[in-house]
């Protein structure tokens, strides 16, 4: 699936990885409210999902060679939201 963030970052996400149990566990960590678990979940999920595009994302958000962690989390949250929308579109209707 192709992802487009509002900042202009574009990448392909493997749909199978978006449905992987390890990714689901990482998302649970990200939603925990515990900063150390959030960081643990994000630092697993970002390279897991983005694969070779992780560096592309860091370059995209970097200013003066610094990849701001808040910008990275904003991009990650937007990517996850889009994955959720795309996954819902691809599910068969329950009607």
PDB file of N, CA and C in Angstrom:
ATOM      1  N   UNK A   1       0.846  -1.173   0.000  1.00  0.00           N
ATOM      2  CA  UNK A   1       0.000   0.000   0.000  1.00  0.00           C
ATOM      3  C   UNK A   1       0.893   1.238   0.000  1.00  0.00           C
ATOM      4  N   UNK A   2       0.439   2.271  -0.683  1.00  0.00           N
ATOM      5  CA  UNK A   2       1.223   3.497  -0.745  1.00  0.00           C
ATOM      6  C   UNK A   2       0.728   4.476   0.319  1.00  0.00           C
ATOM      7  N   UNK A   3       1.684   5.080   1.003  1.00  0.00           N
ATOM      8  CA  UNK A   3       1.410   6.030   2.078  1.00  0.00           C
ATOM      9  C   UNK A   3       1.882   7.412   1.641  1.00  0.00           C
ATOM     10  N   UNK A   4       1.044   8.416   1.897  1.00  0.00           N
ATOM     11  CA  UNK A   4       1.386   9.820   1.644  1.00  0.00           C
ATOM     12  C   UNK A   4       1.089  10.588   2.928  1.00  0.00           C
ATOM     13  N   UNK A   5       2.094  11.194   3.542  1.00  0.00           N
ATOM     14  CA  UNK A   5       1.841  12.004   4.736  1.00  0.00           C
ATOM     15  C   UNK A   5       1.628  13.459   4.328  1.00  0.00           C
ATOM     16  N   UNK A   6       1.062  14.237   5.232  1.00  0.00           N
ATOM     17  CA  UNK A   6       0.782  15.642   4.927  1.00  0.00           C
ATOM     18  C   UNK A   6       2.051  16.456   4.742  1.00  0.00           C
ATOM     19  N   UNK A   7       3.173  15.963   5.257  1.00  0.00           N
ATOM     20  CA  UNK A   7       4.440  16.682   5.085  1.00  0.00           C
ATOM     21  C   UNK A   7       5.076  16.394   3.724  1.00  0.00           C
ATOM     22  N   UNK A   8       4.498  15.422   2.993  1.00  0.00           N
ATOM     23  CA  UNK A   8       5.018  15.102   1.672  1.00  0.00           C
ATOM     24  C   UNK A   8       5.810  13.812   1.578  1.00  0.00           C
ATOM     25  N   UNK A   9       5.951  13.081   2.677  1.00  0.00           N
ATOM     26  CA  UNK A   9       6.668  11.802   2.637  1.00  0.00           C
ATOM     27  C   UNK A   9       5.792  10.759   1.946  1.00  0.00           C
ATOM     28  N   UNK A  10       6.389  10.004   1.029  1.00  0.00           N
ATOM     29  CA  UNK A  10       5.678   8.962   0.287  1.00  0.00           C
ATOM     30  C   UNK A  10       6.502   7.679   0.356  1.00  0.00           C
ATOM     31  N   UNK A  11       5.837   6.562   0.642  1.00  0.00           N
ATOM     32  CA  UNK A  11       6.526   5.272   0.643  1.00  0.00           C
ATOM     33  C   UNK A  11       5.528   4.148   0.436  1.00  0.00           C
ATOM     34  N   UNK A  12       6.065   2.977   0.164  1.00  0.00           N
ATOM     35  CA  UNK A  12       5.263   1.757   0.047  1.00  0.00           C
ATOM     36  C   UNK A  12       5.394   0.961   1.340  1.00  0.00           C
ATOM     37  N   UNK A  13       4.277   0.456   1.828  1.00  0.00           N
ATOM     38  CA  UNK A  13       4.251  -0.399   3.012  1.00  0.00           C
ATOM     39  C   UNK A  13       3.751  -1.774   2.570  1.00  0.00           C
ATOM     40  N   UNK A  14       4.451  -2.806   2.994  1.00  0.00           N
ATOM     41  CA  UNK A  14       4.023  -4.169   2.716  1.00  0.00           C
ATOM     42  C   UNK A  14       2.781  -4.453   3.565  1.00  0.00           C
ATOM     43  N   UNK A  15       1.660  -4.710   2.908  1.00  0.00           N
ATOM     44  CA  UNK A  15       0.402  -4.917   3.622  1.00  0.00           C
ATOM     45  C   UNK A  15       0.474  -6.094   4.591  1.00  0.00           C
ATOM     46  N   UNK A  16       1.237  -7.116   4.256  1.00  0.00           N
ATOM     47  CA  UNK A  16       1.384  -8.260   5.165  1.00  0.00           C
ATOM     48  C   UNK A  16       2.053  -7.830   6.461  1.00  0.00           C
ATOM     49  N   UNK A  17       3.033  -6.929   6.364  1.00  0.00           N
ATOM     50  CA  UNK A  17       3.701  -6.456   7.580  1.00  0.00           C
ATOM     51  C   UNK A  17       2.745  -5.632   8.439  1.00  0.00           C
ATOM     52  N   UNK A  18       1.836  -4.913   7.792  1.00  0.00           N
ATOM     53  CA  UNK A  18       0.862  -4.112   8.533  1.00  0.00           C
ATOM     54  C   UNK A  18      -0.106  -4.991   9.320  1.00  0.00           C
ATOM     55  N   UNK A  19      -0.217  -6.265   8.940  1.00  0.00           N
ATOM     56  CA  UNK A  19      -1.109  -7.202   9.631  1.00  0.00           C
ATOM     57  C   UNK A  19      -0.340  -8.184  10.516  1.00  0.00           C
ATOM     58  N   UNK A  20       0.963  -8.000  10.609  1.00  0.00           N
ATOM     59  CA  UNK A  20       1.829  -8.904  11.368  1.00  0.00           C
ATOM     60  C   UNK A  20       1.606  -8.733  12.878  1.00  0.00           C
ATOM     61  N   UNK A  21       1.621  -9.842  13.589  1.00  0.00           N
ATOM     62  CA  UNK A  21       1.428  -9.833  15.044  1.00  0.00           C
ATOM     63  C   UNK A  21       2.463  -8.968  15.749  1.00  0.00           C
ATOM     64  N   UNK A  22       3.706  -9.002  15.306  1.00  0.00           N
ATOM     65  CA  UNK A  22       4.760  -8.199  15.945  1.00  0.00           C
ATOM     66  C   UNK A  22       4.459  -6.710  15.824  1.00  0.00           C
ATOM     67  N   UNK A  23       3.903  -6.307  14.693  1.00  0.00           N
ATOM     68  CA  UNK A  23       3.511  -4.912  14.517  1.00  0.00           C
ATOM     69  C   UNK A  23       2.358  -4.566  15.463  1.00  0.00           C
ATOM     70  N   UNK A  24       1.401  -5.478  15.609  1.00  0.00           N
ATOM     71  CA  UNK A  24       0.279  -5.253  16.529  1.00  0.00           C
ATOM     72  C   UNK A  24       0.780  -5.075  17.963  1.00  0.00           C
ATOM     73  N   UNK A  25       1.751  -5.892  18.368  1.00  0.00           N
ATOM     74  CA  UNK A  25       2.318  -5.752  19.716  1.00  0.00           C
ATOM     75  C   UNK A  25       3.030  -4.408  19.877  1.00  0.00           C
ATOM     76  N   UNK A  26       3.746  -3.982  18.837  1.00  0.00           N
ATOM     77  CA  UNK A  26       4.438  -2.692  18.895  1.00  0.00           C
ATOM     78  C   UNK A  26       3.427  -1.553  19.008  1.00  0.00           C
ATOM     79  N   UNK A  27       2.309  -1.657  18.297  1.00  0.00           N
ATOM     80  CA  UNK A  27       1.269  -0.627  18.397  1.00  0.00           C
ATOM     81  C   UNK A  27       0.668  -0.582  19.797  1.00  0.00           C
ATOM     82  N   UNK A  28       0.515  -1.750  20.417  1.00  0.00           N
ATOM     83  CA  UNK A  28       0.009  -1.778  21.794  1.00  0.00           C
ATOM     84  C   UNK A  28       0.963  -1.033  22.719  1.00  0.00           C
ATOM     85  N   UNK A  29       2.266  -1.216  22.518  1.00  0.00           N
ATOM     86  CA  UNK A  29       3.245  -0.459  23.303  1.00  0.00           C
ATOM     87  C   UNK A  29       3.091   1.036  23.039  1.00  0.00           C
ATOM     88  N   UNK A  30       2.885   1.404  21.780  1.00  0.00           N
ATOM     89  CA  UNK A  30       2.761   2.825  21.420  1.00  0.00           C
ATOM     90  C   UNK A  30       1.527   3.465  22.042  1.00  0.00           C
ATOM     91  N   UNK A  31       0.490   2.668  22.297  1.00  0.00           N
ATOM     92  CA  UNK A  31      -0.745   3.186  22.887  1.00  0.00           C
ATOM     93  C   UNK A  31      -0.788   3.058  24.405  1.00  0.00           C
ATOM     94  N   UNK A  32       0.313   2.630  25.011  1.00  0.00           N
ATOM     95  CA  UNK A  32       0.310   2.313  26.444  1.00  0.00           C
ATOM     96  C   UNK A  32       0.282   3.532  27.359  1.00  0.00           C
ATOM     97  N   UNK A  33       0.756   4.675  26.872  1.00  0.00           N
ATOM     98  CA  UNK A  33       0.863   5.847  27.735  1.00  0.00           C
ATOM     99  C   UNK A  33       2.162   5.893  28.528  1.00  0.00           C
ATOM    100  N   UNK A  34       2.924   4.818  28.493  1.00  0.00           N
ATOM    101  CA  UNK A  34       4.213   4.730  29.182  1.00  0.00           C
ATOM    102  C   UNK A  34       5.305   5.113  28.182  1.00  0.00           C
ATOM    103  N   UNK A  35       6.024   6.197  28.456  1.00  0.00           N
ATOM    104  CA  UNK A  35       7.000   6.714  27.496  1.00  0.00           C
ATOM    105  C   UNK A  35       8.035   5.685  27.053  1.00  0.00           C
ATOM    106  N   UNK A  36       8.512   4.858  27.976  1.00  0.00           N
ATOM    107  CA  UNK A  36       9.520   3.871  27.580  1.00  0.00           C
ATOM    108  C   UNK A  36       8.916   2.806  26.666  1.00  0.00           C
ATOM    109  N   UNK A  37       7.667   2.418  26.920  1.00  0.00           N
ATOM    110  CA  UNK A  37       7.001   1.442  26.042  1.00  0.00           C
ATOM    111  C   UNK A  37       6.669   2.056  24.689  1.00  0.00           C
ATOM    112  N   UNK A  38       6.288   3.330  24.683  1.00  0.00           N
ATOM    113  CA  UNK A  38       6.007   4.019  23.416  1.00  0.00           C
ATOM    114  C   UNK A  38       7.259   4.028  22.554  1.00  0.00           C
ATOM    115  N   UNK A  39       8.383   4.396  23.159  1.00  0.00           N
ATOM    116  CA  UNK A  39       9.645   4.433  22.421  1.00  0.00           C
ATOM    117  C   UNK A  39      10.036   3.038  21.933  1.00  0.00           C
ATOM    118  N   UNK A  40       9.866   2.038  22.798  1.00  0.00           N
ATOM    119  CA  UNK A  40      10.170   0.654  22.411  1.00  0.00           C
ATOM    120  C   UNK A  40       9.320   0.231  21.217  1.00  0.00           C
ATOM    121  N   UNK A  41       8.033   0.518  21.269  1.00  0.00           N
ATOM    122  CA  UNK A  41       7.135   0.135  20.175  1.00  0.00           C
ATOM    123  C   UNK A  41       7.475   0.837  18.880  1.00  0.00           C
ATOM    124  N   UNK A  42       7.727   2.140  18.965  1.00  0.00           N
ATOM    125  CA  UNK A  42       8.028   2.917  17.757  1.00  0.00           C
ATOM    126  C   UNK A  42       9.364   2.518  17.148  1.00  0.00           C
ATOM    127  N   UNK A  43      10.362   2.279  17.996  1.00  0.00           N
ATOM    128  CA  UNK A  43      11.680   1.926  17.452  1.00  0.00           C
ATOM    129  C   UNK A  43      11.687   0.528  16.832  1.00  0.00           C
ATOM    130  N   UNK A  44      10.720  -0.298  17.190  1.00  0.00           N
ATOM    131  CA  UNK A  44      10.560  -1.572  16.474  1.00  0.00           C
ATOM    132  C   UNK A  44       9.732  -1.366  15.210  1.00  0.00           C
ATOM    133  N   UNK A  45       8.598  -0.690  15.340  1.00  0.00           N
ATOM    134  CA  UNK A  45       7.629  -0.608  14.244  1.00  0.00           C
ATOM    135  C   UNK A  45       8.132   0.185  13.042  1.00  0.00           C
ATOM    136  N   UNK A  46       8.851   1.266  13.278  1.00  0.00           N
ATOM    137  CA  UNK A  46       9.281   2.113  12.161  1.00  0.00           C
ATOM    138  C   UNK A  46      10.192   1.348  11.202  1.00  0.00           C
ATOM    139  N   UNK A  47      11.301   0.761  11.654  1.00  0.00           N
ATOM    140  CA  UNK A  47      12.124   0.013  10.690  1.00  0.00           C
ATOM    141  C   UNK A  47      11.436  -1.256  10.176  1.00  0.00           C
ATOM    142  N   UNK A  48      10.586  -1.871  10.998  1.00  0.00           N
ATOM    143  CA  UNK A  48       9.870  -3.074  10.574  1.00  0.00           C
ATOM    144  C   UNK A  48       8.965  -2.768   9.388  1.00  0.00           C
ATOM    145  N   UNK A  49       8.210  -1.682   9.488  1.00  0.00           N
ATOM    146  CA  UNK A  49       7.282  -1.307   8.418  1.00  0.00           C
ATOM    147  C   UNK A  49       7.967  -0.667   7.221  1.00  0.00           C
ATOM    148  N   UNK A  50       8.860   0.266   7.513  1.00  0.00           N
ATOM    149  CA  UNK A  50       9.438   1.077   6.442  1.00  0.00           C
ATOM    150  C   UNK A  50      10.597   0.402   5.724  1.00  0.00           C
ATOM    151  N   UNK A  51      11.217  -0.562   6.362  1.00  0.00           N
ATOM    152  CA  UNK A  51      12.364  -1.268   5.792  1.00  0.00           C
ATOM    153  C   UNK A  51      13.387  -0.254   5.277  1.00  0.00           C
ATOM    154  N   UNK A  52      13.668  -0.270   3.992  1.00  0.00           N
ATOM    155  CA  UNK A  52      14.688   0.616   3.416  1.00  0.00           C
ATOM    156  C   UNK A  52      14.272   2.086   3.408  1.00  0.00           C
ATOM    157  N   UNK A  53      13.009   2.372   3.685  1.00  0.00           N
ATOM    158  CA  UNK A  53      12.522   3.753   3.668  1.00  0.00           C
ATOM    159  C   UNK A  53      12.702   4.481   4.998  1.00  0.00           C
ATOM    160  N   UNK A  54      13.210   3.796   6.018  1.00  0.00           N
ATOM    161  CA  UNK A  54      13.418   4.461   7.309  1.00  0.00           C
ATOM    162  C   UNK A  54      14.390   5.629   7.151  1.00  0.00           C
ATOM    163  N   UNK A  55      15.490   5.401   6.460  1.00  0.00           N
ATOM    164  CA  UNK A  55      16.470   6.476   6.257  1.00  0.00           C
ATOM    165  C   UNK A  55      15.866   7.598   5.415  1.00  0.00           C
ATOM    166  N   UNK A  56      15.066   7.236   4.429  1.00  0.00           N
ATOM    167  CA  UNK A  56      14.387   8.237   3.594  1.00  0.00           C
ATOM    168  C   UNK A  56      13.490   9.125   4.467  1.00  0.00           C
ATOM    169  N   UNK A  57      12.787   8.524   5.421  1.00  0.00           N
ATOM    170  CA  UNK A  57      11.936   9.301   6.322  1.00  0.00           C
ATOM    171  C   UNK A  57      12.786  10.195   7.215  1.00  0.00           C
ATOM    172  N   UNK A  58      13.877   9.665   7.751  1.00  0.00           N
ATOM    173  CA  UNK A  58      14.744  10.490   8.602  1.00  0.00           C
ATOM    174  C   UNK A  58      15.307  11.666   7.814  1.00  0.00           C
ATOM    175  N   UNK A  59      15.716  11.425   6.577  1.00  0.00           N
ATOM    176  CA  UNK A  59      16.204  12.522   5.738  1.00  0.00           C
ATOM    177  C   UNK A  59      15.099  13.542   5.484  1.00  0.00           C
ATOM    178  N   UNK A  60      13.882  13.055   5.292  1.00  0.00           N
ATOM    179  CA  UNK A  60      12.733  13.922   5.012  1.00  0.00           C
ATOM    180  C   UNK A  60      12.441  14.876   6.175  1.00  0.00           C
ATOM    181  N   UNK A  61      12.535  14.384   7.394  1.00  0.00           N
ATOM    182  CA  UNK A  61      12.190  15.225   8.550  1.00  0.00           C
ATOM    183  C   UNK A  61      13.382  15.980   9.126  1.00  0.00           C
ATOM    184  N   UNK A  62      14.582  15.648   8.681  1.00  0.00           N
ATOM    185  CA  UNK A  62      15.797  16.233   9.263  1.00  0.00           C
ATOM    186  C   UNK A  62      15.972  17.700   8.902  1.00  0.00           C
ATOM    187  N   UNK A  63      16.450  18.433   9.887  1.00  0.00           N
ATOM    188  CA  UNK A  63      16.879  19.816   9.700  1.00  0.00           C
ATOM    189  C   UNK A  63      18.274  19.917  10.285  1.00  0.00           C
ATOM    190  N   UNK A  64      19.205  20.394   9.499  1.00  0.00           N
ATOM    191  CA  UNK A  64      20.599  20.523   9.927  1.00  0.00           C
ATOM    192  C   UNK A  64      21.173  19.199  10.422  1.00  0.00           C
ATOM    193  N   UNK A  65      20.734  18.097   9.800  1.00  0.00           N
ATOM    194  CA  UNK A  65      21.268  16.788  10.149  1.00  0.00           C
ATOM    195  C   UNK A  65      20.646  16.151  11.376  1.00  0.00           C
ATOM    196  N   UNK A  66      19.625  16.777  11.947  1.00  0.00           N
ATOM    197  CA  UNK A  66      18.967  16.251  13.150  1.00  0.00           C
ATOM    198  C   UNK A  66      17.566  15.762  12.782  1.00  0.00           C
ATOM    199  N   UNK A  67      17.285  14.493  13.071  1.00  0.00           N
ATOM    200  CA  UNK A  67      15.954  13.921  12.860  1.00  0.00           C
ATOM    201  C   UNK A  67      15.178  14.076  14.168  1.00  0.00           C
ATOM    202  N   UNK A  68      14.371  15.116  14.231  1.00  0.00           N
ATOM    203  CA  UNK A  68      13.620  15.452  15.442  1.00  0.00           C
ATOM    204  C   UNK A  68      12.670  14.312  15.827  1.00  0.00           C
ATOM    205  N   UNK A  69      12.737  13.875  17.083  1.00  0.00           N
ATOM    206  CA  UNK A  69      11.929  12.732  17.519  1.00  0.00           C
ATOM    207  C   UNK A  69      10.433  13.038  17.485  1.00  0.00           C
ATOM    208  N   UNK A  70      10.032  14.277  17.771  1.00  0.00           N
ATOM    209  CA  UNK A  70       8.605  14.621  17.706  1.00  0.00           C
ATOM    210  C   UNK A  70       8.095  14.549  16.273  1.00  0.00           C
ATOM    211  N   UNK A  71       8.896  15.039  15.333  1.00  0.00           N
ATOM    212  CA  UNK A  71       8.499  14.954  13.923  1.00  0.00           C
ATOM    213  C   UNK A  71       8.408  13.495  13.484  1.00  0.00           C
ATOM    214  N   UNK A  72       9.353  12.686  13.943  1.00  0.00           N
ATOM    215  CA  UNK A  72       9.332  11.262  13.594  1.00  0.00           C
ATOM    216  C   UNK A  72       8.058  10.611  14.126  1.00  0.00           C
ATOM    217  N   UNK A  73       7.687  10.911  15.361  1.00  0.00           N
ATOM    218  CA  UNK A  73       6.475  10.326  15.932  1.00  0.00           C
ATOM    219  C   UNK A  73       5.228  10.843  15.220  1.00  0.00           C
ATOM    220  N   UNK A  74       5.226  12.112  14.827  1.00  0.00           N
ATOM    221  CA  UNK A  74       4.088  12.649  14.071  1.00  0.00           C
ATOM    222  C   UNK A  74       3.924  11.891  12.754  1.00  0.00           C
ATOM    223  N   UNK A  75       5.035  11.691  12.050  1.00  0.00           N
ATOM    224  CA  UNK A  75       4.997  10.953  10.783  1.00  0.00           C
ATOM    225  C   UNK A  75       4.545   9.514  11.024  1.00  0.00           C
ATOM    226  N   UNK A  76       5.089   8.886  12.056  1.00  0.00           N
ATOM    227  CA  UNK A  76       4.731   7.507  12.382  1.00  0.00           C
ATOM    228  C   UNK A  76       3.234   7.392  12.671  1.00  0.00           C
ATOM    229  N   UNK A  77       2.708   8.314  13.475  1.00  0.00           N
ATOM    230  CA  UNK A  77       1.280   8.279  13.802  1.00  0.00           C
ATOM    231  C   UNK A  77       0.421   8.452  12.556  1.00  0.00           C
ATOM    232  N   UNK A  78       0.848   9.315  11.662  1.00  0.00           N
ATOM    233  CA  UNK A  78       0.108   9.517  10.421  1.00  0.00           C
ATOM    234  C   UNK A  78       0.172   8.266   9.536  1.00  0.00           C
ATOM    235  N   UNK A  79       1.328   7.643   9.473  1.00  0.00           N
ATOM    236  CA  UNK A  79       1.483   6.406   8.698  1.00  0.00           C
ATOM    237  C   UNK A  79       0.574   5.313   9.260  1.00  0.00           C
ATOM    238  N   UNK A  80       0.566   5.163  10.579  1.00  0.00           N
ATOM    239  CA  UNK A  80      -0.270   4.141  11.221  1.00  0.00           C
ATOM    240  C   UNK A  80      -1.751   4.417  10.957  1.00  0.00           C
ATOM    241  N   UNK A  81      -2.161   5.680  11.026  1.00  0.00           N
ATOM    242  CA  UNK A  81      -3.559   6.029  10.757  1.00  0.00           C
ATOM    243  C   UNK A  81      -3.939   5.659   9.322  1.00  0.00           C
ATOM    244  N   UNK A  82      -3.047   5.929   8.387  1.00  0.00           N
ATOM    245  CA  UNK A  82      -3.336   5.580   6.992  1.00  0.00           C
ATOM    246  C   UNK A  82      -3.391   4.074   6.788  1.00  0.00           C
ATOM    247  N   UNK A  83      -2.522   3.350   7.469  1.00  0.00           N
ATOM    248  CA  UNK A  83      -2.563   1.888   7.383  1.00  0.00           C
ATOM    249  C   UNK A  83      -3.920   1.394   7.867  1.00  0.00           C
ATOM    250  N   UNK A  84      -4.397   1.947   8.976  1.00  0.00           N
ATOM    251  CA  UNK A  84      -5.708   1.563   9.497  1.00  0.00           C
ATOM    252  C   UNK A  84      -6.824   1.836   8.505  1.00  0.00           C
ATOM    253  N   UNK A  85      -6.781   2.991   7.850  1.00  0.00           N
ATOM    254  CA  UNK A  85      -7.799   3.332   6.849  1.00  0.00           C
ATOM    255  C   UNK A  85      -7.739   2.382   5.658  1.00  0.00           C
ATOM    256  N   UNK A  86      -6.537   2.111   5.170  1.00  0.00           N
ATOM    257  CA  UNK A  86      -6.375   1.228   4.012  1.00  0.00           C
ATOM    258  C   UNK A  86      -6.783  -0.202   4.352  1.00  0.00           C
ATOM    259  N   UNK A  87      -6.481  -0.641   5.564  1.00  0.00           N
ATOM    260  CA  UNK A  87      -6.845  -1.994   5.978  1.00  0.00           C
ATOM    261  C   UNK A  87      -8.360  -2.139   6.038  1.00  0.00           C
ATOM    262  N   UNK A  88      -9.048  -1.121   6.562  1.00  0.00           N
ATOM    263  CA  UNK A  88     -10.515  -1.160   6.624  1.00  0.00           C
ATOM    264  C   UNK A  88     -11.120  -1.205   5.230  1.00  0.00           C
ATOM    265  N   UNK A  89     -10.533  -0.464   4.281  1.00  0.00           N
ATOM    266  CA  UNK A  89     -11.041  -0.462   2.902  1.00  0.00           C
ATOM    267  C   UNK A  89     -10.926  -1.837   2.262  1.00  0.00           C
ATOM    268  N   UNK A  90      -9.875  -2.570   2.609  1.00  0.00           N
ATOM    269  CA  UNK A  90      -9.621  -3.860   1.958  1.00  0.00           C
ATOM    270  C   UNK A  90     -10.371  -5.021   2.604  1.00  0.00           C
ATOM    271  N   UNK A  91     -10.995  -4.784   3.767  1.00  0.00           N
ATOM    272  CA  UNK A  91     -11.740  -5.850   4.429  1.00  0.00           C
ATOM    273  C   UNK A  91     -13.080  -6.052   3.737  1.00  0.00           C
ATOM    274  N   UNK A  92     -13.545  -7.305   3.640  1.00  0.00           N
ATOM    275  CA  UNK A  92     -14.852  -7.549   3.025  1.00  0.00           C
ATOM    276  C   UNK A  92     -15.971  -6.938   3.862  1.00  0.00           C
ATOM    277  N   UNK A  93     -16.993  -6.492   3.209  1.00  0.00           N
ATOM    278  CA  UNK A  93     -18.146  -5.886   3.881  1.00  0.00           C
ATOM    279  C   UNK A  93     -18.862  -6.935   4.723  1.00  0.00           C
ATOM    280  N   UNK A  94     -19.369  -6.520   5.884  1.00  0.00           N
ATOM    281  CA  UNK A  94     -20.078  -7.428   6.793  1.00  0.00           C
ATOM    282  C   UNK A  94     -21.589  -7.358   6.602  1.00  0.00           C
ATOM    283  N   UNK A  95     -22.044  -6.818   5.494  1.00  0.00           N
ATOM    284  CA  UNK A  95     -23.490  -6.662   5.262  1.00  0.00           C
ATOM    285  C   UNK A  95     -24.140  -7.927   4.812  1.00  0.00           C
TER     286      UNK A  95
END
